[in-house]
Amino acid sequence: MFSITDSIIAFLISLVTTLILVYPIKKLAIKIGAMDLPNYRKIHIDPTPRLGGLAIFLGVAISLLYLRPEHDQLLEICIGAVIIIITGVLDDKYQIRPTIKLSGQLLAALVLVSGGVIIERITLPFLGLVELNNFSIIITILWIVGISNAINLIDGLDGLASGVSTIALTSILIMAITDHRTIVIYFCIILIGSNLGFLFHNFHPAKIYMGDTGSMFLGYSIAVISILGLFKNVTLFSFVIPIIVLAVPIFDTLFSMLRRFINKEGIMMPDKKHIHYQLLAAGFSHRNTVLLLYGLSGIFGLLAILFSNASIGFSLIITFVFLVLLHIFAEIVGVVSKGRRPLLRLSKTVYKKVKESSRSYK
């Protein structure tokens, strides 16, 4: 049974626990050599401790021990989380091969699927309820692995992954409250608390990074929460809502792969052309780039909330706005044909004219 008092206490436990545990975990990371060293792809210039995601995980775990929520698949969810954390810690310390990291993600996903955490059906605009049947397991695994990696890939600037995840979780929390999904509400609240506790140390200039331990755990957690909440509600456009909520990390990942394919580069090869790097190259400061992406994530989150309760007519308007934003996103990351940026150019022209008009008015 949902309790507001317990929710507030759990939020404070996760926030304070993570905030405090970062200090000893930072010392541990330095001691064992789990450091993020500068290179040509990195923005930072000094070696910085990783492993901060361990503090996020422990904050969530201690809050769960306080709440003791009841759910049929809670054990499998926790086992999957532990597998993800072990994989992340190993990668932060030893820089394990991508295939080993993927194996850990697949193992966590298989534990969930075996326990019954599955996307059994989705609701699509105009098509209604679609049963996935034999494809449900494959789609579930792809979703869990995909979101885990999407959050991992966007973790390129101080505070970016924590902030974007918090905004996505807040959007899901609002929809879960209106839908009375207690387990989703509890998960969102304690994850938001842990993220905020970590963000105190991680916002620019960061004193510690969450590393793959944190980014994969957050991606895994958001994937699980969306399966338990957004995909389960047949009254929503359940396939579209999670994609809108997570539009920034999802489309940054997809556009990066598309850009590399167009340029005949290795699809999985890392580069400095993710959206945050492109904004930095356009002249935005580190802090302003992060805040701009927070704002973009917030807009997508708001669109998802509006879309979840919209009529067909209003849904079409929201879809149009979403597609326009997505096109601007694609222009920024350079996947529009031959690097053209018509909407960005138009936006700058309109902005200049409005600015000139305001000056002449004064």
Protein backbone atom coordinates (compact mmCIF):
# COMPACT_ATOMS: atom_id res chain seq x y z
CA MET A 1 0.00 0.00 0.00
CA PHE A 2 1.31 3.42 -0.98
CA SER A 3 2.39 5.76 1.82
CA ILE A 4 3.35 9.41 1.27
CA THR A 5 5.27 9.46 4.56
CA ASP A 6 7.28 6.36 3.64
CA SER A 7 7.96 7.83 0.20
CA ILE A 8 9.37 11.04 1.67
CA ILE A 9 11.52 9.12 4.17
CA ALA A 10 12.77 6.76 1.43
CA PHE A 11 13.61 9.74 -0.79
CA LEU A 12 15.63 11.36 2.00
CA ILE A 13 17.38 8.05 2.82
CA SER A 14 18.48 7.54 -0.79
CA LEU A 15 19.55 11.18 -1.19
CA VAL A 16 21.54 11.43 2.06
CA THR A 17 23.02 7.90 1.78
CA THR A 18 24.31 8.53 -1.73
CA LEU A 19 25.55 12.00 -0.81
CA ILE A 20 27.60 10.62 2.10
CA LEU A 21 28.79 7.36 0.51
CA VAL A 22 30.39 9.20 -2.41
CA TYR A 23 33.22 10.28 -0.10
CA PRO A 24 34.52 6.79 0.86
CA ILE A 25 33.78 5.43 -2.64
CA LYS A 26 35.87 8.24 -4.14
CA LYS A 27 38.78 7.18 -1.92
CA LEU A 28 38.21 3.53 -2.88
CA ALA A 29 38.26 4.39 -6.60
CA ILE A 30 41.57 6.23 -6.22
CA LYS A 31 43.04 3.37 -4.17
CA ILE A 32 42.14 0.61 -6.65
CA GLY A 33 42.91 2.72 -9.72
CA ALA A 34 39.35 3.09 -11.03
CA MET A 35 40.21 6.41 -12.65
CA ASP A 36 38.96 8.16 -15.79
CA LEU A 37 42.12 9.33 -17.52
CA PRO A 38 42.08 12.22 -20.02
CA ASN A 39 42.39 11.43 -23.75
CA TYR A 40 41.52 13.00 -27.10
CA ARG A 41 37.81 12.12 -26.68
CA LYS A 42 37.44 13.36 -23.10
CA ILE A 43 36.62 16.89 -21.97
CA HIS A 44 38.32 16.76 -18.57
CA ILE A 45 42.05 17.37 -18.21
CA ASP A 46 42.73 15.78 -14.82
CA PRO A 47 42.39 12.09 -13.80
CA THR A 48 38.99 11.74 -12.09
CA PRO A 49 37.69 8.86 -9.92
CA ARG A 50 34.98 6.68 -11.41
CA LEU A 51 32.79 4.19 -9.53
CA GLY A 52 30.35 6.86 -8.30
CA GLY A 53 27.49 4.69 -9.54
CA LEU A 54 28.18 2.37 -6.62
CA ALA A 55 26.98 5.13 -4.26
CA ILE A 56 23.79 5.53 -6.35
CA PHE A 57 23.16 1.77 -6.18
CA LEU A 58 23.74 1.60 -2.42
CA GLY A 59 21.45 4.58 -1.84
CA VAL A 60 18.70 2.80 -3.77
CA ALA A 61 19.37 -0.54 -2.03
CA ILE A 62 19.18 0.94 1.49
CA SER A 63 15.96 2.78 0.61
CA LEU A 64 14.45 -0.46 -0.70
CA LEU A 65 15.34 -2.18 2.58
CA TYR A 66 13.39 0.55 4.37
CA LEU A 67 10.37 0.44 2.04
CA ARG A 68 10.26 -3.34 1.55
CA PRO A 69 7.85 -3.04 -1.40
CA GLU A 70 5.91 -6.10 -2.48
CA HIS A 71 6.20 -7.26 -6.08
CA ASP A 72 6.24 -10.70 -7.68
CA GLN A 73 9.42 -10.02 -9.68
CA LEU A 74 11.33 -7.95 -7.10
CA LEU A 75 13.93 -10.69 -6.52
CA GLU A 76 14.72 -11.02 -10.23
CA ILE A 77 14.90 -7.21 -10.59
CA CYS A 78 17.41 -7.04 -7.72
CA ILE A 79 19.50 -9.94 -9.06
CA GLY A 80 19.63 -8.27 -12.48
CA ALA A 81 20.71 -5.00 -10.83
CA VAL A 82 23.53 -6.75 -8.96
CA ILE A 83 24.76 -8.33 -12.22
CA ILE A 84 24.76 -4.89 -13.88
CA ILE A 85 26.65 -3.38 -10.94
CA ILE A 86 29.30 -6.13 -10.96
CA THR A 87 29.74 -5.66 -14.73
CA GLY A 88 30.04 -1.89 -14.30
CA VAL A 89 32.55 -2.12 -11.45
CA LEU A 90 34.73 -4.48 -13.48
CA ASP A 91 34.61 -2.12 -16.45
CA ASP A 92 35.42 0.94 -14.33
CA LYS A 93 38.43 -0.85 -12.88
CA TYR A 94 39.72 -2.96 -15.79
CA GLN A 95 38.12 -1.49 -18.95
CA ILE A 96 36.72 -4.88 -19.98
CA ARG A 97 35.98 -5.71 -23.62
CA PRO A 98 32.60 -4.55 -25.04
CA THR A 99 31.58 -8.20 -25.60
CA ILE A 100 32.04 -9.00 -21.90
CA LYS A 101 30.09 -5.89 -20.91
CA LEU A 102 27.30 -6.85 -23.33
CA SER A 103 27.29 -10.37 -21.86
CA GLY A 104 26.64 -8.90 -18.41
CA GLN A 105 23.76 -6.82 -19.74
CA LEU A 106 22.28 -9.82 -21.55
CA LEU A 107 22.56 -11.97 -18.42
CA ALA A 108 20.71 -9.32 -16.37
CA ALA A 109 18.03 -9.11 -19.06
CA LEU A 110 17.64 -12.89 -19.16
CA VAL A 111 17.19 -13.01 -15.37
CA LEU A 112 14.37 -10.48 -15.71
CA VAL A 113 12.73 -12.32 -18.57
CA SER A 114 12.93 -15.65 -16.72
CA GLY A 115 11.17 -14.00 -13.77
CA GLY A 116 8.34 -12.68 -15.92
CA VAL A 117 9.40 -9.06 -16.45
CA ILE A 118 8.37 -8.99 -20.11
CA ILE A 119 6.87 -6.53 -22.58
CA GLU A 120 3.91 -8.70 -23.54
CA ARG A 121 1.94 -6.14 -25.53
CA ILE A 122 2.17 -2.58 -26.75
CA THR A 123 -0.41 0.02 -27.69
CA LEU A 124 0.17 1.89 -30.94
CA PRO A 125 -1.58 4.97 -32.36
CA PHE A 126 -4.44 3.98 -34.68
CA LEU A 127 -3.62 0.25 -34.33
CA GLY A 128 -4.59 -0.19 -30.70
CA LEU A 129 -3.42 -3.13 -28.61
CA VAL A 130 -0.80 -5.36 -30.28
CA GLU A 131 0.14 -8.70 -28.69
CA LEU A 132 3.84 -9.44 -29.18
CA ASN A 133 3.58 -13.20 -28.54
CA ASN A 134 6.86 -14.88 -29.60
CA PHE A 135 8.61 -11.53 -30.10
CA SER A 136 8.02 -10.36 -26.52
CA ILE A 137 11.23 -11.86 -25.09
CA ILE A 138 13.42 -10.49 -27.90
CA ILE A 139 11.90 -7.00 -27.66
CA THR A 140 12.25 -7.01 -23.86
CA ILE A 141 15.93 -7.96 -24.03
CA LEU A 142 16.61 -5.37 -26.76
CA TRP A 143 14.85 -2.70 -24.69
CA ILE A 144 16.82 -3.45 -21.50
CA VAL A 145 20.19 -3.67 -23.27
CA GLY A 146 19.40 -0.69 -25.50
CA ILE A 147 18.41 1.70 -22.70
CA SER A 148 21.33 0.55 -20.53
CA ASN A 149 23.71 1.52 -23.34
CA ALA A 150 21.85 4.71 -24.28
CA ILE A 151 22.33 6.19 -20.80
CA ASN A 152 25.92 4.93 -20.87
CA LEU A 153 26.64 6.74 -24.16
CA ILE A 154 25.15 10.07 -23.08
CA ASP A 155 27.33 10.10 -19.96
CA GLY A 156 29.89 12.39 -21.55
CA LEU A 157 29.65 15.63 -19.55
CA ASP A 158 29.56 16.42 -15.84
CA GLY A 159 26.07 15.86 -14.47
CA LEU A 160 24.51 15.02 -17.83
CA ALA A 161 23.49 11.38 -17.30
CA SER A 162 22.31 12.03 -13.73
CA GLY A 163 20.24 15.03 -14.76
CA VAL A 164 18.70 13.51 -17.88
CA SER A 165 17.85 10.32 -15.94
CA THR A 166 16.28 12.36 -13.13
CA ILE A 167 14.10 14.28 -15.58
CA ALA A 168 13.01 11.03 -17.29
CA LEU A 169 12.25 9.43 -13.91
CA THR A 170 10.25 12.49 -12.83
CA SER A 171 8.13 12.25 -16.00
CA ILE A 172 7.52 8.54 -15.38
CA LEU A 173 6.73 9.27 -11.71
CA ILE A 174 3.99 11.76 -12.65
CA MET A 175 2.39 9.23 -15.01
CA ALA A 176 2.73 6.44 -12.42
CA ILE A 177 0.97 8.58 -9.80
CA THR A 178 -1.98 9.21 -12.11
CA ASP A 179 -2.05 5.47 -12.89
CA HIS A 180 -1.67 4.37 -9.22
CA ARG A 181 1.34 2.09 -9.84
CA THR A 182 2.87 1.87 -6.38
CA ILE A 183 6.03 -0.11 -7.21
CA VAL A 184 6.90 2.28 -10.05
CA ILE A 185 6.31 5.31 -7.81
CA TYR A 186 8.62 3.90 -5.13
CA PHE A 187 11.38 3.02 -7.63
CA CYS A 188 11.20 6.48 -9.24
CA ILE A 189 11.29 8.32 -5.91
CA ILE A 190 14.36 6.52 -4.54
CA LEU A 191 16.24 6.70 -7.85
CA ILE A 192 15.56 10.44 -8.08
CA GLY A 193 16.82 10.82 -4.51
CA SER A 194 20.03 8.91 -5.23
CA ASN A 195 20.59 10.83 -8.46
CA LEU A 196 20.24 14.17 -6.72
CA GLY A 197 22.56 13.06 -3.94
CA PHE A 198 25.17 12.08 -6.53
CA LEU A 199 24.61 15.20 -8.64
CA PHE A 200 25.89 17.29 -5.72
CA HIS A 201 29.34 15.78 -6.41
CA ASN A 202 28.97 15.30 -10.16
CA PHE A 203 27.70 18.65 -11.49
CA HIS A 204 30.35 20.70 -13.29
CA PRO A 205 33.13 20.70 -12.23
CA ALA A 206 32.71 17.04 -11.26
CA LYS A 207 34.67 15.60 -8.35
CA ILE A 208 33.73 12.02 -9.28
CA TYR A 209 32.10 10.25 -12.24
CA MET A 210 29.39 7.61 -12.03
CA GLY A 211 31.28 5.45 -14.53
CA ASP A 212 29.72 2.50 -16.29
CA THR A 213 28.63 1.26 -12.86
CA GLY A 214 26.23 4.18 -12.58
CA SER A 215 25.21 4.78 -16.19
CA MET A 216 24.38 1.11 -16.85
CA PHE A 217 22.55 0.80 -13.51
CA LEU A 218 20.46 3.89 -14.28
CA GLY A 219 19.73 2.65 -17.81
CA TYR A 220 18.79 -0.79 -16.49
CA SER A 221 16.57 0.73 -13.78
CA ILE A 222 14.75 3.06 -16.17
CA ALA A 223 14.22 0.19 -18.63
CA VAL A 224 12.72 -1.99 -15.87
CA ILE A 225 10.54 0.84 -14.53
CA SER A 226 9.16 1.58 -17.99
CA ILE A 227 8.29 -2.10 -18.45
CA LEU A 228 6.51 -2.21 -15.08
CA GLY A 229 4.71 1.08 -15.66
CA LEU A 230 4.47 2.58 -19.12
CA PHE A 231 4.32 -0.63 -21.16
CA LYS A 232 1.78 -2.23 -18.79
CA ASN A 233 -0.88 0.42 -19.27
CA VAL A 234 -2.96 -0.48 -22.31
CA THR A 235 -4.81 2.89 -22.15
CA LEU A 236 -1.61 4.69 -23.19
CA PHE A 237 0.25 4.69 -26.48
CA SER A 238 2.56 2.40 -24.55
CA PHE A 239 5.20 2.02 -27.26
CA VAL A 240 5.47 5.74 -27.96
CA ILE A 241 5.50 7.13 -24.40
CA PRO A 242 8.79 5.54 -23.19
CA ILE A 243 10.52 6.62 -26.41
CA ILE A 244 9.41 10.24 -25.94
CA VAL A 245 10.45 10.21 -22.26
CA LEU A 246 13.92 8.92 -23.17
CA ALA A 247 14.20 10.76 -26.49
CA VAL A 248 17.55 12.45 -25.74
CA PRO A 249 19.59 9.30 -24.93
CA ILE A 250 17.70 7.05 -27.37
CA PHE A 251 18.01 9.28 -30.43
CA ASP A 252 21.53 10.42 -29.58
CA THR A 253 22.48 6.72 -29.72
CA LEU A 254 20.48 5.97 -32.89
CA PHE A 255 21.67 9.09 -34.71
CA SER A 256 25.27 8.33 -33.76
CA MET A 257 24.97 4.87 -35.29
CA LEU A 258 23.25 6.31 -38.38
CA ARG A 259 25.91 9.01 -38.78
CA ARG A 260 28.70 6.44 -38.57
CA PHE A 261 26.91 4.24 -41.13
CA ILE A 262 26.50 7.19 -43.53
CA ASN A 263 30.17 8.11 -43.12
CA LYS A 264 31.18 4.44 -43.55
CA GLU A 265 32.67 4.29 -40.05
CA GLY A 266 32.43 1.49 -37.53
CA ILE A 267 28.93 1.70 -36.01
CA MET A 268 30.22 0.88 -32.52
CA MET A 269 33.34 3.05 -32.75
CA PRO A 270 33.38 5.92 -30.20
CA ASP A 271 33.67 9.50 -31.43
CA LYS A 272 33.21 13.13 -30.35
CA LYS A 273 30.05 13.78 -32.37
CA HIS A 274 27.35 13.06 -29.78
CA ILE A 275 24.93 15.92 -29.21
CA HIS A 276 26.79 17.23 -26.15
CA TYR A 277 30.07 17.41 -28.09
CA GLN A 278 28.33 19.16 -30.99
CA LEU A 279 26.88 21.80 -28.67
CA LEU A 280 30.30 22.37 -27.14
CA ALA A 281 31.76 22.73 -30.64
CA ALA A 282 29.02 25.27 -31.44
CA GLY A 283 30.35 27.51 -28.67
CA PHE A 284 28.20 26.61 -25.66
CA SER A 285 29.99 26.33 -22.33
CA HIS A 286 30.17 23.00 -20.48
CA ARG A 287 27.54 24.09 -17.95
CA ASN A 288 25.21 25.66 -20.54
CA THR A 289 25.39 22.56 -22.74
CA VAL A 290 24.28 20.40 -19.82
CA LEU A 291 21.50 22.83 -18.86
CA LEU A 292 20.32 23.02 -22.48
CA LEU A 293 20.06 19.21 -22.64
CA TYR A 294 18.23 19.23 -19.30
CA GLY A 295 15.75 21.63 -20.87
CA LEU A 296 15.37 19.49 -23.99
CA SER A 297 14.83 16.39 -21.82
CA GLY A 298 12.25 18.33 -19.80
CA ILE A 299 10.36 19.29 -22.96
CA PHE A 300 10.29 15.68 -24.15
CA GLY A 301 9.16 14.57 -20.68
CA LEU A 302 6.34 17.12 -20.72
CA LEU A 303 5.30 16.00 -24.20
CA ALA A 304 5.15 12.40 -22.96
CA ILE A 305 2.95 13.37 -20.00
CA LEU A 306 0.60 15.36 -22.24
CA PHE A 307 0.58 12.58 -24.85
CA SER A 308 -0.39 9.97 -22.23
CA ASN A 309 -3.75 11.67 -21.61
CA ALA A 310 -4.36 13.37 -24.95
CA SER A 311 -7.16 12.95 -27.44
CA ILE A 312 -6.32 11.82 -30.96
CA GLY A 313 -6.37 15.40 -32.26
CA PHE A 314 -4.13 16.75 -29.53
CA SER A 315 -1.86 13.70 -29.94
CA LEU A 316 -1.27 14.69 -33.55
CA ILE A 317 -0.22 18.19 -32.48
CA ILE A 318 2.16 16.74 -29.87
CA THR A 319 3.53 14.31 -32.47
CA PHE A 320 4.21 17.22 -34.86
CA VAL A 321 6.08 19.16 -32.12
CA PHE A 322 8.02 16.00 -31.23
CA LEU A 323 9.06 15.45 -34.85
CA VAL A 324 10.17 19.08 -35.24
CA LEU A 325 12.30 18.80 -32.09
CA LEU A 326 13.66 15.49 -33.34
CA HIS A 327 14.63 17.07 -36.67
CA ILE A 328 16.47 19.87 -34.85
CA PHE A 329 18.18 17.19 -32.76
CA ALA A 330 19.23 15.40 -35.98
CA GLU A 331 20.58 18.66 -37.43
CA ILE A 332 22.69 19.29 -34.32
CA VAL A 333 24.30 15.83 -34.40
CA GLY A 334 24.89 16.03 -38.16
CA VAL A 335 22.79 13.25 -39.68
CA VAL A 336 20.71 15.50 -41.95
CA SER A 337 21.81 15.23 -45.59
CA LYS A 338 25.20 16.85 -46.24
CA GLY A 339 25.18 18.56 -42.86
CA ARG A 340 22.40 21.01 -43.77
CA ARG A 341 20.65 22.68 -40.82
CA PRO A 342 17.55 24.48 -42.19
CA LEU A 343 15.54 24.56 -38.95
CA LEU A 344 18.50 25.69 -36.88
CA ARG A 345 19.25 28.43 -39.42
CA LEU A 346 15.60 29.51 -39.42
CA SER A 347 15.54 29.55 -35.60
CA LYS A 348 18.65 31.76 -35.49
CA THR A 349 17.14 34.14 -38.10
CA VAL A 350 13.87 34.45 -36.16
CA TYR A 351 15.80 34.96 -32.90
CA LYS A 352 17.91 37.75 -34.46
CA LYS A 353 14.83 39.51 -35.87
CA VAL A 354 13.01 39.32 -32.53
CA LYS A 355 16.12 40.68 -30.79
CA GLU A 356 16.44 43.53 -33.31
CA SER A 357 12.74 44.35 -32.96
CA SER A 358 12.99 44.50 -29.17
CA ARG A 359 15.99 46.84 -29.41
CA SER A 360 14.25 49.17 -31.86
CA TYR A 361 11.16 49.17 -29.64
CA LYS A 362 13.27 50.31 -26.69
